[in-house]
C-alpha cells in the first residue's frame, strides 16, 4: 500500500513500532458461466495497528482502496489489550 512505509505481507514479525499495516490474500471468489469459471477475484484483509484512535491511516487506507477501484468494507475495530493497540480490519476483493 502506498499510504505507509510500514506495510507487511501476512505478518509484521518482531516488535514493530505502530502504526503499521499487515495485509494478505486468504481466498478467492469465482463466477461461473457456461459450465466454466468466467471470472476469478482474490479476497483478503488489511489490518491497521495503531495507538492513535485518530490516526490519518484510518481514512487513508479506505481512500486508497476506493481510488484503486477495489471492493472493500470495514470488518471490525478492536482494542488489543495485550499490545495496547487499536486494530482496524478491512476485507477486500478484486479481480
PDB file of N, CA and C in Angstrom:
ATOM      1  N   UNK A   1       0.848  -1.186   0.000  1.00  0.00           N
ATOM      2  CA  UNK A   1       0.000   0.000   0.000  1.00  0.00           C
ATOM      3  C   UNK A   1       0.882   1.233   0.000  1.00  0.00           C
ATOM      4  N   UNK A   2       0.462   2.187  -0.734  1.00  0.00           N
ATOM      5  CA  UNK A   2       1.234   3.417  -0.861  1.00  0.00           C
ATOM      6  C   UNK A   2       0.973   4.414   0.257  1.00  0.00           C
ATOM      7  N   UNK A   3       0.147   4.075   1.231  1.00  0.00           N
ATOM      8  CA  UNK A   3      -0.209   5.022   2.290  1.00  0.00           C
ATOM      9  C   UNK A   3       0.787   5.014   3.448  1.00  0.00           C
ATOM     10  N   UNK A   4       1.691   4.031   3.481  1.00  0.00           N
ATOM     11  CA  UNK A   4       2.637   3.920   4.588  1.00  0.00           C
ATOM     12  C   UNK A   4       3.860   3.119   4.148  1.00  0.00           C
ATOM     13  N   UNK A   5       4.984   3.366   4.796  1.00  0.00           N
ATOM     14  CA  UNK A   5       6.179   2.552   4.541  1.00  0.00           C
ATOM     15  C   UNK A   5       6.229   1.335   5.455  1.00  0.00           C
ATOM     16  N   UNK A   6       5.391   1.311   6.482  1.00  0.00           N
ATOM     17  CA  UNK A   6       5.356   0.199   7.428  1.00  0.00           C
ATOM     18  C   UNK A   6       4.235  -0.761   7.051  1.00  0.00           C
ATOM     19  N   UNK A   7       4.455  -1.495   5.943  1.00  0.00           N
ATOM     20  CA  UNK A   7       3.458  -2.423   5.408  1.00  0.00           C
ATOM     21  C   UNK A   7       4.110  -3.792   5.273  1.00  0.00           C
ATOM     22  N   UNK A   8       3.416  -4.827   5.776  1.00  0.00           N
ATOM     23  CA  UNK A   8       3.986  -6.164   5.805  1.00  0.00           C
ATOM     24  C   UNK A   8       2.995  -7.184   5.265  1.00  0.00           C
ATOM     25  N   UNK A   9       3.515  -8.180   4.555  1.00  0.00           N
ATOM     26  CA  UNK A   9       2.698  -9.249   3.989  1.00  0.00           C
ATOM     27  C   UNK A   9       2.572 -10.375   5.006  1.00  0.00           C
ATOM     28  N   UNK A  10       1.360 -10.694   5.409  1.00  0.00           N
ATOM     29  CA  UNK A  10       0.970 -11.776   6.317  1.00  0.00           C
ATOM     30  C   UNK A  10       1.364 -11.564   7.781  1.00  0.00           C
ATOM     31  N   UNK A  11       2.561 -11.077   8.061  1.00  0.00           N
ATOM     32  CA  UNK A  11       2.943 -10.841   9.451  1.00  0.00           C
ATOM     33  C   UNK A  11       3.962  -9.719   9.530  1.00  0.00           C
ATOM     34  N   UNK A  12       3.879  -8.938  10.589  1.00  0.00           N
ATOM     35  CA  UNK A  12       4.840  -7.862  10.779  1.00  0.00           C
ATOM     36  C   UNK A  12       6.116  -8.391  11.423  1.00  0.00           C
ATOM     37  N   UNK A  13       6.010  -9.451  12.201  1.00  0.00           N
ATOM     38  CA  UNK A  13       7.173 -10.037  12.846  1.00  0.00           C
ATOM     39  C   UNK A  13       7.845  -9.083  13.825  1.00  0.00           C
ATOM     40  N   UNK A  14       8.422  -9.630  14.855  1.00  0.00           N
ATOM     41  CA  UNK A  14       9.167  -8.817  15.809  1.00  0.00           C
ATOM     42  C   UNK A  14       8.321  -7.768  16.502  1.00  0.00           C
ATOM     43  N   UNK A  15       8.962  -6.822  17.079  1.00  0.00           N
ATOM     44  CA  UNK A  15       8.294  -5.733  17.787  1.00  0.00           C
ATOM     45  C   UNK A  15       8.275  -4.490  16.912  1.00  0.00           C
ATOM     46  N   UNK A  16       7.307  -4.397  16.034  1.00  0.00           N
ATOM     47  CA  UNK A  16       7.187  -3.246  15.145  1.00  0.00           C
ATOM     48  C   UNK A  16       6.607  -2.062  15.894  1.00  0.00           C
ATOM     49  N   UNK A  17       7.068  -0.880  15.517  1.00  0.00           N
ATOM     50  CA  UNK A  17       6.556   0.343  16.127  1.00  0.00           C
ATOM     51  C   UNK A  17       5.288   0.760  15.386  1.00  0.00           C
ATOM     52  N   UNK A  18       4.181   0.940  16.093  1.00  0.00           N
ATOM     53  CA  UNK A  18       2.947   1.367  15.432  1.00  0.00           C
ATOM     54  C   UNK A  18       3.040   2.838  15.014  1.00  0.00           C
ATOM     55  N   UNK A  19       2.293   3.219  14.003  1.00  0.00           N
ATOM     56  CA  UNK A  19       1.318   2.385  13.289  1.00  0.00           C
ATOM     57  C   UNK A  19       1.988   1.520  12.227  1.00  0.00           C
ATOM     58  N   UNK A  20       1.387   0.372  11.968  1.00  0.00           N
ATOM     59  CA  UNK A  20       1.839  -0.474  10.878  1.00  0.00           C
ATOM     60  C   UNK A  20       0.650  -1.232  10.303  1.00  0.00           C
ATOM     61  N   UNK A  21       0.845  -1.718   9.076  1.00  0.00           N
ATOM     62  CA  UNK A  21      -0.207  -2.385   8.315  1.00  0.00           C
ATOM     63  C   UNK A  21       0.256  -3.793   7.972  1.00  0.00           C
ATOM     64  N   UNK A  22      -0.641  -4.756   8.141  1.00  0.00           N
ATOM     65  CA  UNK A  22      -0.404  -6.138   7.724  1.00  0.00           C
ATOM     66  C   UNK A  22      -1.518  -6.497   6.746  1.00  0.00           C
ATOM     67  N   UNK A  23      -1.157  -7.104   5.619  1.00  0.00           N
ATOM     68  CA  UNK A  23      -2.172  -7.485   4.640  1.00  0.00           C
ATOM     69  C   UNK A  23      -1.903  -8.896   4.137  1.00  0.00           C
ATOM     70  N   UNK A  24      -2.903  -9.467   3.512  1.00  0.00           N
ATOM     71  CA  UNK A  24      -2.726 -10.782   2.925  1.00  0.00           C
ATOM     72  C   UNK A  24      -3.908 -11.184   2.080  1.00  0.00           C
ATOM     73  N   UNK A  25      -3.678 -12.199   1.273  1.00  0.00           N
ATOM     74  CA  UNK A  25      -4.724 -12.821   0.458  1.00  0.00           C
ATOM     75  C   UNK A  25      -5.091 -14.109   1.161  1.00  0.00           C
ATOM     76  N   UNK A  26      -6.392 -14.324   1.392  1.00  0.00           N
ATOM     77  CA  UNK A  26      -6.789 -15.535   2.106  1.00  0.00           C
ATOM     78  C   UNK A  26      -7.936 -16.281   1.439  1.00  0.00           C
ATOM     79  N   UNK A  27      -8.211 -15.973   0.199  1.00  0.00           N
ATOM     80  CA  UNK A  27      -9.263 -16.704  -0.504  1.00  0.00           C
ATOM     81  C   UNK A  27      -9.525 -16.132  -1.881  1.00  0.00           C
ATOM     82  N   UNK A  28     -10.538 -16.676  -2.504  1.00  0.00           N
ATOM     83  CA  UNK A  28     -10.968 -16.161  -3.796  1.00  0.00           C
ATOM     84  C   UNK A  28     -12.456 -16.405  -3.967  1.00  0.00           C
ATOM     85  N   UNK A  29     -12.992 -15.819  -4.994  1.00  0.00           N
ATOM     86  CA  UNK A  29     -14.408 -15.950  -5.311  1.00  0.00           C
ATOM     87  C   UNK A  29     -14.508 -16.120  -6.817  1.00  0.00           C
ATOM     88  N   UNK A  30     -15.205 -17.146  -7.249  1.00  0.00           N
ATOM     89  CA  UNK A  30     -15.310 -17.434  -8.674  1.00  0.00           C
ATOM     90  C   UNK A  30     -16.721 -17.187  -9.180  1.00  0.00           C
ATOM     91  N   UNK A  31     -16.804 -16.680 -10.392  1.00  0.00           N
ATOM     92  CA  UNK A  31     -18.068 -16.505 -11.089  1.00  0.00           C
ATOM     93  C   UNK A  31     -18.053 -17.484 -12.253  1.00  0.00           C
ATOM     94  N   UNK A  32     -19.053 -18.359 -12.283  1.00  0.00           N
ATOM     95  CA  UNK A  32     -19.109 -19.377 -13.322  1.00  0.00           C
ATOM     96  C   UNK A  32     -20.175 -19.036 -14.353  1.00  0.00           C
ATOM     97  N   UNK A  33     -19.886 -19.351 -15.585  1.00  0.00           N
ATOM     98  CA  UNK A  33     -20.829 -19.179 -16.680  1.00  0.00           C
ATOM     99  C   UNK A  33     -20.508 -20.188 -17.766  1.00  0.00           C
ATOM    100  N   UNK A  34     -21.517 -20.803 -18.335  1.00  0.00           N
ATOM    101  CA  UNK A  34     -21.288 -21.792 -19.391  1.00  0.00           C
ATOM    102  C   UNK A  34     -20.471 -22.972 -18.909  1.00  0.00           C
ATOM    103  N   UNK A  35     -20.718 -23.400 -17.671  1.00  0.00           N
ATOM    104  CA  UNK A  35     -20.032 -24.544 -17.075  1.00  0.00           C
ATOM    105  C   UNK A  35     -18.514 -24.362 -16.938  1.00  0.00           C
ATOM    106  N   UNK A  36     -18.066 -23.116 -16.842  1.00  0.00           N
ATOM    107  CA  UNK A  36     -16.643 -22.860 -16.606  1.00  0.00           C
ATOM    108  C   UNK A  36     -16.482 -21.564 -15.824  1.00  0.00           C
ATOM    109  N   UNK A  37     -15.324 -21.414 -15.237  1.00  0.00           N
ATOM    110  CA  UNK A  37     -15.064 -20.193 -14.484  1.00  0.00           C
ATOM    111  C   UNK A  37     -14.861 -19.043 -15.458  1.00  0.00           C
ATOM    112  N   UNK A  38     -15.692 -18.031 -15.310  1.00  0.00           N
ATOM    113  CA  UNK A  38     -15.611 -16.871 -16.190  1.00  0.00           C
ATOM    114  C   UNK A  38     -14.813 -15.735 -15.563  1.00  0.00           C
ATOM    115  N   UNK A  39     -14.768 -15.710 -14.250  1.00  0.00           N
ATOM    116  CA  UNK A  39     -14.086 -14.614 -13.548  1.00  0.00           C
ATOM    117  C   UNK A  39     -13.566 -15.135 -12.213  1.00  0.00           C
ATOM    118  N   UNK A  40     -12.412 -14.650 -11.805  1.00  0.00           N
ATOM    119  CA  UNK A  40     -11.837 -15.012 -10.516  1.00  0.00           C
ATOM    120  C   UNK A  40     -11.419 -13.736  -9.801  1.00  0.00           C
ATOM    121  N   UNK A  41     -11.831 -13.595  -8.550  1.00  0.00           N
ATOM    122  CA  UNK A  41     -11.457 -12.435  -7.741  1.00  0.00           C
ATOM    123  C   UNK A  41     -10.750 -12.928  -6.484  1.00  0.00           C
ATOM    124  N   UNK A  42      -9.610 -12.329  -6.184  1.00  0.00           N
ATOM    125  CA  UNK A  42      -8.920 -12.623  -4.929  1.00  0.00           C
ATOM    126  C   UNK A  42      -9.591 -11.868  -3.798  1.00  0.00           C
ATOM    127  N   UNK A  43      -9.506 -12.409  -2.593  1.00  0.00           N
ATOM    128  CA  UNK A  43     -10.029 -11.708  -1.427  1.00  0.00           C
ATOM    129  C   UNK A  43      -8.983 -11.754  -0.326  1.00  0.00           C
ATOM    130  N   UNK A  44      -9.043 -10.765   0.550  1.00  0.00           N
ATOM    131  CA  UNK A  44      -8.049 -10.717   1.613  1.00  0.00           C
ATOM    132  C   UNK A  44      -8.391  -9.690   2.663  1.00  0.00           C
ATOM    133  N   UNK A  45      -7.374  -9.305   3.390  1.00  0.00           N
ATOM    134  CA  UNK A  45      -7.558  -8.414   4.533  1.00  0.00           C
ATOM    135  C   UNK A  45      -6.453  -7.372   4.585  1.00  0.00           C
ATOM    136  N   UNK A  46      -6.756  -6.290   5.212  1.00  0.00           N
ATOM    137  CA  UNK A  46      -5.787  -5.256   5.558  1.00  0.00           C
ATOM    138  C   UNK A  46      -6.030  -4.914   7.019  1.00  0.00           C
ATOM    139  N   UNK A  47      -5.011  -5.093   7.842  1.00  0.00           N
ATOM    140  CA  UNK A  47      -5.100  -4.799   9.271  1.00  0.00           C
ATOM    141  C   UNK A  47      -4.205  -3.614   9.596  1.00  0.00           C
ATOM    142  N   UNK A  48      -4.763  -2.643  10.267  1.00  0.00           N
ATOM    143  CA  UNK A  48      -4.010  -1.487  10.750  1.00  0.00           C
ATOM    144  C   UNK A  48      -3.905  -1.591  12.260  1.00  0.00           C
ATOM    145  N   UNK A  49      -2.704  -1.482  12.777  1.00  0.00           N
ATOM    146  CA  UNK A  49      -2.462  -1.470  14.212  1.00  0.00           C
ATOM    147  C   UNK A  49      -1.903  -0.100  14.581  1.00  0.00           C
ATOM    148  N   UNK A  50      -2.572   0.589  15.491  1.00  0.00           N
ATOM    149  CA  UNK A  50      -2.171   1.933  15.856  1.00  0.00           C
ATOM    150  C   UNK A  50      -2.470   2.212  17.324  1.00  0.00           C
ATOM    151  N   UNK A  51      -1.752   3.150  17.895  1.00  0.00           N
ATOM    152  CA  UNK A  51      -2.037   3.598  19.259  1.00  0.00           C
ATOM    153  C   UNK A  51      -2.948   4.822  19.244  1.00  0.00           C
ATOM    154  N   UNK A  52      -3.121   5.425  18.073  1.00  0.00           N
ATOM    155  CA  UNK A  52      -3.845   6.687  17.932  1.00  0.00           C
ATOM    156  C   UNK A  52      -5.216   6.446  17.296  1.00  0.00           C
ATOM    157  N   UNK A  53      -6.267   6.652  18.060  1.00  0.00           N
ATOM    158  CA  UNK A  53      -7.633   6.444  17.547  1.00  0.00           C
ATOM    159  C   UNK A  53      -8.002   7.444  16.457  1.00  0.00           C
ATOM    160  N   UNK A  54      -7.171   8.467  16.254  1.00  0.00           N
ATOM    161  CA  UNK A  54      -7.408   9.448  15.192  1.00  0.00           C
ATOM    162  C   UNK A  54      -6.287   9.419  14.154  1.00  0.00           C
ATOM    163  N   UNK A  55      -5.639   8.285  14.005  1.00  0.00           N
ATOM    164  CA  UNK A  55      -4.552   8.110  13.047  1.00  0.00           C
ATOM    165  C   UNK A  55      -5.055   8.415  11.635  1.00  0.00           C
ATOM    166  N   UNK A  56      -4.273   9.144  10.858  1.00  0.00           N
ATOM    167  CA  UNK A  56      -4.681   9.500   9.489  1.00  0.00           C
ATOM    168  C   UNK A  56      -4.804   8.274   8.587  1.00  0.00           C
ATOM    169  N   UNK A  57      -4.155   7.165   8.932  1.00  0.00           N
ATOM    170  CA  UNK A  57      -4.261   5.939   8.133  1.00  0.00           C
ATOM    171  C   UNK A  57      -5.657   5.345   8.164  1.00  0.00           C
ATOM    172  N   UNK A  58      -6.414   5.658   9.199  1.00  0.00           N
ATOM    173  CA  UNK A  58      -7.787   5.150   9.307  1.00  0.00           C
ATOM    174  C   UNK A  58      -8.626   5.632   8.124  1.00  0.00           C
ATOM    175  N   UNK A  59      -8.359   6.825   7.640  1.00  0.00           N
ATOM    176  CA  UNK A  59      -9.046   7.361   6.464  1.00  0.00           C
ATOM    177  C   UNK A  59      -8.261   7.105   5.178  1.00  0.00           C
ATOM    178  N   UNK A  60      -6.938   7.057   5.266  1.00  0.00           N
ATOM    179  CA  UNK A  60      -6.103   6.906   4.070  1.00  0.00           C
ATOM    180  C   UNK A  60      -6.234   5.528   3.439  1.00  0.00           C
ATOM    181  N   UNK A  61      -6.385   4.492   4.255  1.00  0.00           N
ATOM    182  CA  UNK A  61      -6.490   3.131   3.704  1.00  0.00           C
ATOM    183  C   UNK A  61      -7.747   2.968   2.857  1.00  0.00           C
ATOM    184  N   UNK A  62      -8.954   3.296   3.375  1.00  0.00           N
ATOM    185  CA  UNK A  62     -10.130   3.167   2.513  1.00  0.00           C
ATOM    186  C   UNK A  62     -10.080   4.100   1.303  1.00  0.00           C
ATOM    187  N   UNK A  63      -9.484   5.276   1.454  1.00  0.00           N
ATOM    188  CA  UNK A  63      -9.373   6.198   0.312  1.00  0.00           C
ATOM    189  C   UNK A  63      -8.498   5.593  -0.786  1.00  0.00           C
ATOM    190  N   UNK A  64      -7.404   4.929  -0.403  1.00  0.00           N
ATOM    191  CA  UNK A  64      -6.531   4.289  -1.396  1.00  0.00           C
ATOM    192  C   UNK A  64      -7.228   3.116  -2.071  1.00  0.00           C
ATOM    193  N   UNK A  65      -7.981   2.334  -1.318  1.00  0.00           N
ATOM    194  CA  UNK A  65      -8.739   1.222  -1.907  1.00  0.00           C
ATOM    195  C   UNK A  65      -9.800   1.735  -2.874  1.00  0.00           C
ATOM    196  N   UNK A  66     -10.494   2.780  -2.466  1.00  0.00           N
ATOM    197  CA  UNK A  66     -11.517   3.392  -3.326  1.00  0.00           C
ATOM    198  C   UNK A  66     -10.893   3.901  -4.624  1.00  0.00           C
ATOM    199  N   UNK A  67      -9.761   4.597  -4.514  1.00  0.00           N
ATOM    200  CA  UNK A  67      -9.083   5.156  -5.697  1.00  0.00           C
ATOM    201  C   UNK A  67      -8.607   4.058  -6.649  1.00  0.00           C
ATOM    202  N   UNK A  68      -8.265   2.892  -6.091  1.00  0.00           N
ATOM    203  CA  UNK A  68      -7.802   1.772  -6.917  1.00  0.00           C
ATOM    204  C   UNK A  68      -8.953   0.942  -7.479  1.00  0.00           C
ATOM    205  N   UNK A  69     -10.195   1.267  -7.101  1.00  0.00           N
ATOM    206  CA  UNK A  69     -11.348   0.528  -7.598  1.00  0.00           C
ATOM    207  C   UNK A  69     -11.520  -0.833  -6.953  1.00  0.00           C
ATOM    208  N   UNK A  70     -11.033  -0.988  -5.728  1.00  0.00           N
ATOM    209  CA  UNK A  70     -11.126  -2.259  -5.011  1.00  0.00           C
ATOM    210  C   UNK A  70     -12.396  -2.265  -4.153  1.00  0.00           C
ATOM    211  N   UNK A  71     -13.149  -3.348  -4.241  1.00  0.00           N
ATOM    212  CA  UNK A  71     -14.326  -3.515  -3.376  1.00  0.00           C
ATOM    213  C   UNK A  71     -13.830  -3.855  -1.970  1.00  0.00           C
ATOM    214  N   UNK A  72     -14.380  -3.189  -0.951  1.00  0.00           N
ATOM    215  CA  UNK A  72     -13.912  -3.413   0.412  1.00  0.00           C
ATOM    216  C   UNK A  72     -14.982  -3.005   1.409  1.00  0.00           C
ATOM    217  N   UNK A  73     -14.784  -3.414   2.655  1.00  0.00           N
ATOM    218  CA  UNK A  73     -15.612  -2.932   3.757  1.00  0.00           C
ATOM    219  C   UNK A  73     -14.811  -3.031   5.049  1.00  0.00           C
ATOM    220  N   UNK A  74     -15.157  -2.197   6.011  1.00  0.00           N
ATOM    221  CA  UNK A  74     -14.556  -2.259   7.337  1.00  0.00           C
ATOM    222  C   UNK A  74     -15.222  -3.405   8.077  1.00  0.00           C
ATOM    223  N   UNK A  75     -14.451  -4.422   8.426  1.00  0.00           N
ATOM    224  CA  UNK A  75     -14.996  -5.621   9.057  1.00  0.00           C
ATOM    225  C   UNK A  75     -15.067  -5.498  10.577  1.00  0.00           C
ATOM    226  N   UNK A  76     -14.039  -4.899  11.177  1.00  0.00           N
ATOM    227  CA  UNK A  76     -14.051  -4.790  12.639  1.00  0.00           C
ATOM    228  C   UNK A  76     -13.060  -3.747  13.128  1.00  0.00           C
ATOM    229  N   UNK A  77     -13.335  -3.262  14.326  1.00  0.00           N
ATOM    230  CA  UNK A  77     -12.414  -2.404  15.068  1.00  0.00           C
ATOM    231  C   UNK A  77     -12.348  -2.999  16.464  1.00  0.00           C
ATOM    232  N   UNK A  78     -11.132  -3.284  16.912  1.00  0.00           N
ATOM    233  CA  UNK A  78     -10.952  -3.943  18.204  1.00  0.00           C
ATOM    234  C   UNK A  78      -9.817  -3.265  18.969  1.00  0.00           C
ATOM    235  N   UNK A  79      -9.865  -3.375  20.268  1.00  0.00           N
ATOM    236  CA  UNK A  79      -8.753  -2.926  21.089  1.00  0.00           C
ATOM    237  C   UNK A  79      -7.984  -4.157  21.540  1.00  0.00           C
ATOM    238  N   UNK A  80      -6.698  -4.186  21.219  1.00  0.00           N
ATOM    239  CA  UNK A  80      -5.842  -5.308  21.582  1.00  0.00           C
ATOM    240  C   UNK A  80      -5.234  -5.030  22.956  1.00  0.00           C
ATOM    241  N   UNK A  81      -5.802  -5.637  23.996  1.00  0.00           N
ATOM    242  CA  UNK A  81      -5.382  -5.381  25.374  1.00  0.00           C
ATOM    243  C   UNK A  81      -3.904  -5.656  25.631  1.00  0.00           C
ATOM    244  N   UNK A  82      -3.421  -6.775  25.118  1.00  0.00           N
ATOM    245  CA  UNK A  82      -2.042  -7.164  25.425  1.00  0.00           C
ATOM    246  C   UNK A  82      -1.014  -6.239  24.800  1.00  0.00           C
ATOM    247  N   UNK A  83      -1.345  -5.644  23.660  1.00  0.00           N
ATOM    248  CA  UNK A  83      -0.407  -4.750  22.962  1.00  0.00           C
ATOM    249  C   UNK A  83      -0.761  -3.275  23.125  1.00  0.00           C
ATOM    250  N   UNK A  84      -1.916  -2.991  23.724  1.00  0.00           N
ATOM    251  CA  UNK A  84      -2.401  -1.609  23.851  1.00  0.00           C
ATOM    252  C   UNK A  84      -2.503  -0.912  22.494  1.00  0.00           C
ATOM    253  N   UNK A  85      -3.074  -1.622  21.532  1.00  0.00           N
ATOM    254  CA  UNK A  85      -3.228  -1.092  20.177  1.00  0.00           C
ATOM    255  C   UNK A  85      -4.684  -1.156  19.741  1.00  0.00           C
ATOM    256  N   UNK A  86      -5.076  -0.199  18.896  1.00  0.00           N
ATOM    257  CA  UNK A  86      -6.365  -0.263  18.224  1.00  0.00           C
ATOM    258  C   UNK A  86      -6.123  -0.987  16.906  1.00  0.00           C
ATOM    259  N   UNK A  87      -6.966  -1.965  16.598  1.00  0.00           N
ATOM    260  CA  UNK A  87      -6.807  -2.832  15.428  1.00  0.00           C
ATOM    261  C   UNK A  87      -8.021  -2.659  14.511  1.00  0.00           C
ATOM    262  N   UNK A  88      -7.787  -2.103  13.334  1.00  0.00           N
ATOM    263  CA  UNK A  88      -8.820  -1.957  12.308  1.00  0.00           C
ATOM    264  C   UNK A  88      -8.607  -3.042  11.275  1.00  0.00           C
ATOM    265  N   UNK A  89      -9.691  -3.713  10.862  1.00  0.00           N
ATOM    266  CA  UNK A  89      -9.594  -4.745   9.824  1.00  0.00           C
ATOM    267  C   UNK A  89     -10.556  -4.434   8.682  1.00  0.00           C
ATOM    268  N   UNK A  90      -9.990  -4.304   7.477  1.00  0.00           N
ATOM    269  CA  UNK A  90     -10.785  -4.167   6.266  1.00  0.00           C
ATOM    270  C   UNK A  90     -10.711  -5.462   5.480  1.00  0.00           C
ATOM    271  N   UNK A  91     -11.822  -5.878   4.905  1.00  0.00           N
ATOM    272  CA  UNK A  91     -11.872  -7.009   3.975  1.00  0.00           C
ATOM    273  C   UNK A  91     -11.965  -6.427   2.571  1.00  0.00           C
ATOM    274  N   UNK A  92     -11.272  -7.035   1.609  1.00  0.00           N
ATOM    275  CA  UNK A  92     -11.286  -6.549   0.234  1.00  0.00           C
ATOM    276  C   UNK A  92     -11.426  -7.701  -0.739  1.00  0.00           C
ATOM    277  N   UNK A  93     -11.832  -7.353  -1.964  1.00  0.00           N
ATOM    278  CA  UNK A  93     -11.940  -8.325  -3.049  1.00  0.00           C
ATOM    279  C   UNK A  93     -11.744  -7.606  -4.360  1.00  0.00           C
ATOM    280  N   UNK A  94     -10.904  -8.190  -5.218  1.00  0.00           N
ATOM    281  CA  UNK A  94     -10.712  -7.579  -6.552  1.00  0.00           C
ATOM    282  C   UNK A  94     -10.319  -8.651  -7.564  1.00  0.00           C
ATOM    283  N   UNK A  95     -10.682  -8.394  -8.798  1.00  0.00           N
ATOM    284  CA  UNK A  95     -10.387  -9.325  -9.890  1.00  0.00           C
ATOM    285  C   UNK A  95      -9.049  -9.015 -10.510  1.00  0.00           C
TER     286      UNK A  95
END
